Amino acid sequence: MPLPKLATRYLTTADVAERYRTAASTVRYWRHIGYGPKGVKVGRRVLYTEASLALFEQQLEDGSAA
């Protein structure tokens, strides 16, 4: 029996920057220092799932984003 496909939307660094109203370089810096949503490297690109953004936003609300 095949596994069901999960619909996952991936966002680029530019998409994430637009969502948080900041520059793409800021999102790259966050990734460098270990802050912000977790990205997945695919080739030369870093992609972010909406779930990782939701988790990051929840951590911001809880005051535990680091």
PDB file of N, CA and C in Angstrom:
ATOM      1  N   MET A   1       0.852  -1.182   0.000  1.00  0.00           N
ATOM      2  CA  MET A   1       0.000   0.000   0.000  1.00  0.00           C
ATOM      3  C   MET A   1       0.894   1.240   0.000  1.00  0.00           C
ATOM      4  N   PRO A   2       0.727   2.139  -0.963  1.00  0.00           N
ATOM      5  CA  PRO A   2       1.571   3.339  -1.026  1.00  0.00           C
ATOM      6  C   PRO A   2       1.226   4.314   0.088  1.00  0.00           C
ATOM      7  N   LEU A   3       2.247   5.070   0.474  1.00  0.00           N
ATOM      8  CA  LEU A   3       2.047   6.095   1.499  1.00  0.00           C
ATOM      9  C   LEU A   3       1.282   7.270   0.899  1.00  0.00           C
ATOM     10  N   PRO A   4       0.416   7.910   1.683  1.00  0.00           N
ATOM     11  CA  PRO A   4      -0.310   9.076   1.161  1.00  0.00           C
ATOM     12  C   PRO A   4       0.654  10.247   0.992  1.00  0.00           C
ATOM     13  N   LYS A   5       0.412  11.040  -0.033  1.00  0.00           N
ATOM     14  CA  LYS A   5       1.232  12.226  -0.253  1.00  0.00           C
ATOM     15  C   LYS A   5       0.779  13.331   0.686  1.00  0.00           C
ATOM     16  N   LEU A   6       1.741  13.930   1.332  1.00  0.00           N
ATOM     17  CA  LEU A   6       1.447  15.057   2.213  1.00  0.00           C
ATOM     18  C   LEU A   6       1.724  16.341   1.447  1.00  0.00           C
ATOM     19  N   ALA A   7       0.783  17.213   1.418  1.00  0.00           N
ATOM     20  CA  ALA A   7       0.954  18.483   0.719  1.00  0.00           C
ATOM     21  C   ALA A   7       1.759  19.431   1.605  1.00  0.00           C
ATOM     22  N   THR A   8       2.996  19.636   1.219  1.00  0.00           N
ATOM     23  CA  THR A   8       3.868  20.533   1.952  1.00  0.00           C
ATOM     24  C   THR A   8       4.265  21.661   1.034  1.00  0.00           C
ATOM     25  N   ARG A   9       4.043  22.859   1.479  1.00  0.00           N
ATOM     26  CA  ARG A   9       4.423  24.031   0.695  1.00  0.00           C
ATOM     27  C   ARG A   9       5.761  24.527   1.214  1.00  0.00           C
ATOM     28  N   TYR A  10       6.696  24.697   0.286  1.00  0.00           N
ATOM     29  CA  TYR A  10       8.017  25.188   0.642  1.00  0.00           C
ATOM     30  C   TYR A  10       8.152  26.641   0.219  1.00  0.00           C
ATOM     31  N   LEU A  11       8.769  27.431   1.089  1.00  0.00           N
ATOM     32  CA  LEU A  11       8.970  28.846   0.816  1.00  0.00           C
ATOM     33  C   LEU A  11      10.462  29.125   0.665  1.00  0.00           C
ATOM     34  N   THR A  12      10.793  30.063  -0.193  1.00  0.00           N
ATOM     35  CA  THR A  12      12.182  30.453  -0.386  1.00  0.00           C
ATOM     36  C   THR A  12      12.581  31.476   0.678  1.00  0.00           C
ATOM     37  N   THR A  13      13.861  31.796   0.703  1.00  0.00           N
ATOM     38  CA  THR A  13      14.349  32.823   1.625  1.00  0.00           C
ATOM     39  C   THR A  13      13.651  34.150   1.349  1.00  0.00           C
ATOM     40  N   ALA A  14      13.439  34.468   0.075  1.00  0.00           N
ATOM     41  CA  ALA A  14      12.751  35.718  -0.283  1.00  0.00           C
ATOM     42  C   ALA A  14      11.313  35.707   0.220  1.00  0.00           C
ATOM     43  N   ASP A  15      10.647  34.553   0.136  1.00  0.00           N
ATOM     44  CA  ASP A  15       9.273  34.444   0.640  1.00  0.00           C
ATOM     45  C   ASP A  15       9.224  34.681   2.149  1.00  0.00           C
ATOM     46  N   VAL A  16      10.185  34.092   2.850  1.00  0.00           N
ATOM     47  CA  VAL A  16      10.235  34.238   4.313  1.00  0.00           C
ATOM     48  C   VAL A  16      10.518  35.691   4.676  1.00  0.00           C
ATOM     49  N   ALA A  17      11.436  36.316   3.968  1.00  0.00           N
ATOM     50  CA  ALA A  17      11.757  37.728   4.221  1.00  0.00           C
ATOM     51  C   ALA A  17      10.527  38.609   4.016  1.00  0.00           C
ATOM     52  N   GLU A  18       9.785  38.337   2.969  1.00  0.00           N
ATOM     53  CA  GLU A  18       8.577  39.114   2.709  1.00  0.00           C
ATOM     54  C   GLU A  18       7.547  38.899   3.809  1.00  0.00           C
ATOM     55  N   ARG A  19       7.419  37.659   4.263  1.00  0.00           N
ATOM     56  CA  ARG A  19       6.444  37.351   5.320  1.00  0.00           C
ATOM     57  C   ARG A  19       6.759  38.096   6.610  1.00  0.00           C
ATOM     58  N   TYR A  20       8.047  38.210   6.934  1.00  0.00           N
ATOM     59  CA  TYR A  20       8.448  38.885   8.180  1.00  0.00           C
ATOM     60  C   TYR A  20       8.862  40.340   7.954  1.00  0.00           C
ATOM     61  N   ARG A  21       8.636  40.836   6.738  1.00  0.00           N
ATOM     62  CA  ARG A  21       8.907  42.232   6.396  1.00  0.00           C
ATOM     63  C   ARG A  21      10.335  42.631   6.742  1.00  0.00           C
ATOM     64  N   THR A  22      11.259  41.822   6.261  1.00  0.00           N
ATOM     65  CA  THR A  22      12.677  42.081   6.468  1.00  0.00           C
ATOM     66  C   THR A  22      13.415  41.746   5.182  1.00  0.00           C
ATOM     67  N   ALA A  23      14.708  41.925   5.178  1.00  0.00           N
ATOM     68  CA  ALA A  23      15.515  41.632   3.990  1.00  0.00           C
ATOM     69  C   ALA A  23      15.891  40.151   3.952  1.00  0.00           C
ATOM     70  N   ALA A  24      16.117  39.651   2.760  1.00  0.00           N
ATOM     71  CA  ALA A  24      16.552  38.254   2.604  1.00  0.00           C
ATOM     72  C   ALA A  24      17.882  38.034   3.322  1.00  0.00           C
ATOM     73  N   SER A  25      18.744  39.047   3.334  1.00  0.00           N
ATOM     74  CA  SER A  25      20.033  38.911   4.024  1.00  0.00           C
ATOM     75  C   SER A  25      19.830  38.721   5.523  1.00  0.00           C
ATOM     76  N   THR A  26      18.783  39.298   6.077  1.00  0.00           N
ATOM     77  CA  THR A  26      18.476  39.108   7.495  1.00  0.00           C
ATOM     78  C   THR A  26      18.074  37.668   7.766  1.00  0.00           C
ATOM     79  N   VAL A  27      17.264  37.094   6.889  1.00  0.00           N
ATOM     80  CA  VAL A  27      16.853  35.692   7.049  1.00  0.00           C
ATOM     81  C   VAL A  27      18.080  34.781   6.953  1.00  0.00           C
ATOM     82  N   ARG A  28      18.986  35.085   6.009  1.00  0.00           N
ATOM     83  CA  ARG A  28      20.220  34.285   5.896  1.00  0.00           C
ATOM     84  C   ARG A  28      21.072  34.431   7.159  1.00  0.00           C
ATOM     85  N   TYR A  29      21.138  35.642   7.713  1.00  0.00           N
ATOM     86  CA  TYR A  29      21.887  35.856   8.949  1.00  0.00           C
ATOM     87  C   TYR A  29      21.270  35.079  10.098  1.00  0.00           C
ATOM     88  N   TRP A  30      19.940  35.105  10.212  1.00  0.00           N
ATOM     89  CA  TRP A  30      19.260  34.328  11.250  1.00  0.00           C
ATOM     90  C   TRP A  30      19.676  32.862  11.161  1.00  0.00           C
ATOM     91  N   ARG A  31      19.690  32.335   9.934  1.00  0.00           N
ATOM     92  CA  ARG A  31      20.053  30.928   9.745  1.00  0.00           C
ATOM     93  C   ARG A  31      21.490  30.692  10.193  1.00  0.00           C
ATOM     94  N   HIS A  32      22.383  31.637   9.891  1.00  0.00           N
ATOM     95  CA  HIS A  32      23.792  31.537  10.256  1.00  0.00           C
ATOM     96  C   HIS A  32      23.981  31.477  11.776  1.00  0.00           C
ATOM     97  N   ILE A  33      23.203  32.269  12.522  1.00  0.00           N
ATOM     98  CA  ILE A  33      23.367  32.309  13.978  1.00  0.00           C
ATOM     99  C   ILE A  33      22.452  31.322  14.716  1.00  0.00           C
ATOM    100  N   GLY A  34      21.652  30.561  13.958  1.00  0.00           N
ATOM    101  CA  GLY A  34      20.794  29.555  14.588  1.00  0.00           C
ATOM    102  C   GLY A  34      19.482  30.102  15.112  1.00  0.00           C
ATOM    103  N   TYR A  35      19.061  31.227  14.606  1.00  0.00           N
ATOM    104  CA  TYR A  35      17.808  31.859  15.021  1.00  0.00           C
ATOM    105  C   TYR A  35      16.815  31.732  13.869  1.00  0.00           C
ATOM    106  N   GLY A  36      15.563  31.807  14.167  1.00  0.00           N
ATOM    107  CA  GLY A  36      14.559  31.816  13.110  1.00  0.00           C
ATOM    108  C   GLY A  36      14.066  30.431  12.748  1.00  0.00           C
ATOM    109  N   PRO A  37      13.246  30.371  11.706  1.00  0.00           N
ATOM    110  CA  PRO A  37      12.683  29.086  11.291  1.00  0.00           C
ATOM    111  C   PRO A  37      13.773  28.174  10.733  1.00  0.00           C
ATOM    112  N   LYS A  38      13.593  26.887  10.900  1.00  0.00           N
ATOM    113  CA  LYS A  38      14.563  25.914  10.403  1.00  0.00           C
ATOM    114  C   LYS A  38      14.368  25.728   8.910  1.00  0.00           C
ATOM    115  N   GLY A  39      15.456  25.784   8.177  1.00  0.00           N
ATOM    116  CA  GLY A  39      15.409  25.600   6.739  1.00  0.00           C
ATOM    117  C   GLY A  39      15.978  24.249   6.343  1.00  0.00           C
ATOM    118  N   VAL A  40      15.650  23.840   5.141  1.00  0.00           N
ATOM    119  CA  VAL A  40      16.148  22.591   4.574  1.00  0.00           C
ATOM    120  C   VAL A  40      16.920  22.949   3.320  1.00  0.00           C
ATOM    121  N   LYS A  41      18.170  22.525   3.244  1.00  0.00           N
ATOM    122  CA  LYS A  41      18.975  22.838   2.074  1.00  0.00           C
ATOM    123  C   LYS A  41      18.683  21.827   0.977  1.00  0.00           C
ATOM    124  N   VAL A  42      18.302  22.338  -0.171  1.00  0.00           N
ATOM    125  CA  VAL A  42      18.018  21.515  -1.348  1.00  0.00           C
ATOM    126  C   VAL A  42      18.910  22.053  -2.459  1.00  0.00           C
ATOM    127  N   GLY A  43      19.978  21.331  -2.742  1.00  0.00           N
ATOM    128  CA  GLY A  43      20.956  21.853  -3.692  1.00  0.00           C
ATOM    129  C   GLY A  43      21.605  23.089  -3.121  1.00  0.00           C
ATOM    130  N   ARG A  44      21.502  24.182  -3.845  1.00  0.00           N
ATOM    131  CA  ARG A  44      22.076  25.443  -3.369  1.00  0.00           C
ATOM    132  C   ARG A  44      21.056  26.326  -2.673  1.00  0.00           C
ATOM    133  N   ARG A  45      19.807  25.892  -2.654  1.00  0.00           N
ATOM    134  CA  ARG A  45      18.731  26.701  -2.083  1.00  0.00           C
ATOM    135  C   ARG A  45      18.383  26.230  -0.680  1.00  0.00           C
ATOM    136  N   VAL A  46      17.917  27.157   0.119  1.00  0.00           N
ATOM    137  CA  VAL A  46      17.366  26.831   1.427  1.00  0.00           C
ATOM    138  C   VAL A  46      15.869  27.073   1.338  1.00  0.00           C
ATOM    139  N   LEU A  47      15.103  26.053   1.691  1.00  0.00           N
ATOM    140  CA  LEU A  47      13.650  26.148   1.656  1.00  0.00           C
ATOM    141  C   LEU A  47      13.093  25.976   3.060  1.00  0.00           C
ATOM    142  N   TYR A  48      11.962  26.590   3.305  1.00  0.00           N
ATOM    143  CA  TYR A  48      11.329  26.568   4.617  1.00  0.00           C
ATOM    144  C   TYR A  48       9.906  26.047   4.465  1.00  0.00           C
ATOM    145  N   THR A  49       9.499  25.154   5.356  1.00  0.00           N
ATOM    146  CA  THR A  49       8.119  24.675   5.330  1.00  0.00           C
ATOM    147  C   THR A  49       7.251  25.639   6.126  1.00  0.00           C
ATOM    148  N   GLU A  50       5.982  25.651   5.783  1.00  0.00           N
ATOM    149  CA  GLU A  50       5.054  26.495   6.542  1.00  0.00           C
ATOM    150  C   GLU A  50       4.973  26.023   7.991  1.00  0.00           C
ATOM    151  N   ALA A  51       5.165  24.725   8.212  1.00  0.00           N
ATOM    152  CA  ALA A  51       5.141  24.194   9.577  1.00  0.00           C
ATOM    153  C   ALA A  51       6.302  24.761  10.395  1.00  0.00           C
ATOM    154  N   SER A  52       7.485  24.894   9.788  1.00  0.00           N
ATOM    155  CA  SER A  52       8.629  25.440  10.525  1.00  0.00           C
ATOM    156  C   SER A  52       8.413  26.918  10.830  1.00  0.00           C
ATOM    157  N   LEU A  53       7.734  27.630   9.931  1.00  0.00           N
ATOM    158  CA  LEU A  53       7.423  29.034  10.202  1.00  0.00           C
ATOM    159  C   LEU A  53       6.406  29.158  11.331  1.00  0.00           C
ATOM    160  N   ALA A  54       5.419  28.268  11.331  1.00  0.00           N
ATOM    161  CA  ALA A  54       4.411  28.286  12.399  1.00  0.00           C
ATOM    162  C   ALA A  54       5.055  27.989  13.751  1.00  0.00           C
ATOM    163  N   LEU A  55       5.981  27.043  13.772  1.00  0.00           N
ATOM    164  CA  LEU A  55       6.687  26.708  15.018  1.00  0.00           C
ATOM    165  C   LEU A  55       7.505  27.903  15.502  1.00  0.00           C
ATOM    166  N   PHE A  56       8.215  28.555  14.601  1.00  0.00           N
ATOM    167  CA  PHE A  56       9.006  29.733  14.953  1.00  0.00           C
ATOM    168  C   PHE A  56       8.107  30.836  15.509  1.00  0.00           C
ATOM    169  N   GLU A  57       6.968  31.055  14.872  1.00  0.00           N
ATOM    170  CA  GLU A  57       6.046  32.087  15.341  1.00  0.00           C
ATOM    171  C   GLU A  57       5.489  31.745  16.718  1.00  0.00           C
ATOM    172  N   GLN A  58       5.235  30.468  16.961  1.00  0.00           N
ATOM    173  CA  GLN A  58       4.758  30.048  18.282  1.00  0.00           C
ATOM    174  C   GLN A  58       5.830  30.293  19.337  1.00  0.00           C
ATOM    175  N   GLN A  59       7.088  30.023  18.987  1.00  0.00           N
ATOM    176  CA  GLN A  59       8.188  30.265  19.907  1.00  0.00           C
ATOM    177  C   GLN A  59       8.331  31.753  20.191  1.00  0.00           C
ATOM    178  N   LEU A  60       8.107  32.589  19.181  1.00  0.00           N
ATOM    179  CA  LEU A  60       8.151  34.034  19.406  1.00  0.00           C
ATOM    180  C   LEU A  60       7.070  34.457  20.394  1.00  0.00           C
ATOM    181  N   GLU A  61       5.873  33.919  20.227  1.00  0.00           N
ATOM    182  CA  GLU A  61       4.778  34.263  21.133  1.00  0.00           C
ATOM    183  C   GLU A  61       5.065  33.798  22.557  1.00  0.00           C
ATOM    184  N   ASP A  62       5.701  32.628  22.682  1.00  0.00           N
ATOM    185  CA  ASP A  62       6.006  32.077  24.002  1.00  0.00           C
ATOM    186  C   ASP A  62       7.242  32.733  24.622  1.00  0.00           C
ATOM    187  N   GLY A  63       7.995  33.483  23.802  1.00  0.00           N
ATOM    188  CA  GLY A  63       9.212  34.110  24.296  1.00  0.00           C
ATOM    189  C   GLY A  63      10.398  33.177  24.366  1.00  0.00           C
ATOM    190  N   SER A  64      10.333  32.056  23.648  1.00  0.00           N
ATOM    191  CA  SER A  64      11.409  31.072  23.721  1.00  0.00           C
ATOM    192  C   SER A  64      12.167  30.912  22.412  1.00  0.00           C
ATOM    193  N   ALA A  65      12.013  31.853  21.474  1.00  0.00           N
ATOM    194  CA  ALA A  65      12.738  31.759  20.194  1.00  0.00           C
ATOM    195  C   ALA A  65      14.207  32.055  20.429  1.00  0.00           C
ATOM    196  N   ALA A  66      15.037  31.119  20.039  1.00  0.00           N
ATOM    197  CA  ALA A  66      16.489  31.318  20.188  1.00  0.00           C
ATOM    198  C   ALA A  66      17.222  30.552  19.139  1.00  0.00           C
TER     199      ALA A  66
END
